[in-house]
Amino acid sequence: MSYAFAWIVVVIATGVLGFSLYYILRDAIPRKVLIIMIGILSALVMTPAPIPLYSGNYAPAIVVLLFEGLIRSNGQAIIATRLVILTTVVVTIGLLACMRVKSKKSKN
């Protein structure tokens, strides 16, 4: 499987998972919470992180974090950890800001 094709599969699978979760959980969880959950999940799966010892190759940050942090005895998970934390914070703040702006526009 080519490198680009693998990332295309990741993006499509993330989209399918997001839509599936939305339609399955839309009655059980409030819409705003569900959108934030799906946004964070999508960002975690699609954020690329460099793979240690394989320069120029990237994998989803959460996969690199889990592999380097849990499986390898002397793994280098610091870059992936920073990317996961940064992505989670930025996506959460961005989605909350969009929801806030949208709710202000709908009130006017």
Protein backbone atom coordinates (compact mmCIF):
# COMPACT_ATOMS: atom_id res chain seq x y z
CA MET A 1 0.00 0.00 0.00
CA SER A 2 1.41 3.40 -0.90
CA TYR A 3 2.06 6.04 1.73
CA ALA A 4 -0.42 8.57 0.29
CA PHE A 5 -3.11 5.95 -0.10
CA ALA A 6 -2.75 4.97 3.55
CA TRP A 7 -3.40 8.58 4.63
CA ILE A 8 -6.41 8.75 2.31
CA VAL A 9 -7.78 5.62 3.99
CA VAL A 10 -7.21 7.24 7.42
CA VAL A 11 -9.11 10.39 6.38
CA ILE A 12 -12.03 8.47 4.88
CA ALA A 13 -12.25 6.09 7.85
CA THR A 14 -12.22 9.05 10.25
CA GLY A 15 -15.06 10.71 8.34
CA VAL A 16 -17.12 7.53 8.31
CA LEU A 17 -16.47 7.00 12.02
CA GLY A 18 -17.43 10.60 12.82
CA PHE A 19 -20.72 10.43 10.89
CA SER A 20 -21.50 7.02 12.39
CA LEU A 21 -20.89 8.21 15.94
CA TYR A 22 -23.00 11.29 15.32
CA TYR A 23 -26.00 9.33 14.05
CA ILE A 24 -25.71 6.62 16.71
CA LEU A 25 -25.28 8.97 19.67
CA ARG A 26 -27.29 12.03 18.56
CA ASP A 27 -30.25 11.19 20.83
CA ALA A 28 -28.16 10.19 23.86
CA ILE A 29 -25.61 13.02 24.03
CA PRO A 30 -26.19 16.78 23.62
CA ARG A 31 -25.26 18.02 20.15
CA LYS A 32 -22.51 20.41 21.27
CA VAL A 33 -20.77 17.76 23.37
CA LEU A 34 -21.03 15.26 20.55
CA ILE A 35 -19.52 17.68 18.04
CA ILE A 36 -16.60 18.42 20.37
CA MET A 37 -16.03 14.68 20.96
CA ILE A 38 -16.04 13.91 17.24
CA GLY A 39 -13.78 16.90 16.52
CA ILE A 40 -11.22 15.80 19.10
CA LEU A 41 -11.36 12.19 17.90
CA SER A 42 -10.87 13.29 14.29
CA ALA A 43 -7.98 15.57 15.20
CA LEU A 44 -6.26 12.84 17.21
CA VAL A 45 -6.51 10.33 14.39
CA MET A 46 -5.53 12.69 11.58
CA THR A 47 -2.70 14.66 13.22
CA PRO A 48 0.56 13.51 11.65
CA ALA A 49 3.61 12.93 13.83
CA PRO A 50 7.11 12.03 12.69
CA ILE A 51 8.08 8.42 13.24
CA PRO A 52 11.36 8.17 15.19
CA LEU A 53 14.11 6.35 13.28
CA TYR A 54 12.18 6.76 9.98
CA SER A 55 12.84 10.33 8.91
CA GLY A 56 10.37 11.72 6.41
CA ASN A 57 7.62 9.27 7.37
CA TYR A 58 4.60 10.25 9.40
CA ALA A 59 1.87 8.34 11.20
CA PRO A 60 -1.15 9.42 13.23
CA ALA A 61 0.15 11.09 16.39
CA ILE A 62 -1.93 8.91 18.69
CA VAL A 63 -0.47 5.76 17.12
CA VAL A 64 3.10 7.05 17.47
CA LEU A 65 2.39 8.10 21.07
CA LEU A 66 1.00 4.70 22.03
CA PHE A 67 3.69 2.73 20.23
CA GLU A 68 6.65 4.79 21.43
CA GLY A 69 5.31 5.31 24.94
CA LEU A 70 3.92 1.89 25.76
CA ILE A 71 5.52 -0.73 23.54
CA ARG A 72 9.12 0.39 23.03
CA SER A 73 11.26 0.32 26.14
CA ASN A 74 13.19 3.48 25.26
CA GLY A 75 10.67 5.12 22.96
CA GLN A 76 10.78 8.77 21.95
CA ALA A 77 7.16 9.79 22.44
CA ILE A 78 7.73 13.42 23.45
CA ILE A 79 7.00 14.94 20.01
CA ALA A 80 3.86 12.88 19.54
CA THR A 81 2.75 13.71 23.08
CA ARG A 82 3.14 17.42 22.44
CA LEU A 83 1.27 17.15 19.15
CA VAL A 84 -1.60 15.24 20.77
CA ILE A 85 -1.94 17.76 23.61
CA LEU A 86 -1.66 20.77 21.28
CA THR A 87 -4.15 19.36 18.80
CA THR A 88 -6.68 18.52 21.51
CA VAL A 89 -6.48 21.98 23.06
CA VAL A 90 -6.62 23.86 19.73
CA VAL A 91 -9.54 21.83 18.36
CA THR A 92 -11.50 22.17 21.61
CA ILE A 93 -10.95 25.93 21.80
CA GLY A 94 -11.73 26.33 18.09
CA LEU A 95 -14.97 24.36 18.29
CA LEU A 96 -16.09 26.17 21.44
CA ALA A 97 -15.35 29.54 19.81
CA CYS A 98 -17.31 28.57 16.69
CA MET A 99 -20.25 27.45 18.81
CA ARG A 100 -20.14 30.69 20.78
CA VAL A 101 -20.10 32.85 17.64
CA LYS A 102 -22.88 30.81 16.09
CA SER A 103 -25.06 31.07 19.19
CA LYS A 104 -24.56 34.87 19.29
CA LYS A 105 -25.54 35.18 15.62
CA SER A 106 -28.67 33.09 16.11
CA LYS A 107 -29.80 35.30 19.02
CA ASN A 108 -29.63 38.43 16.85
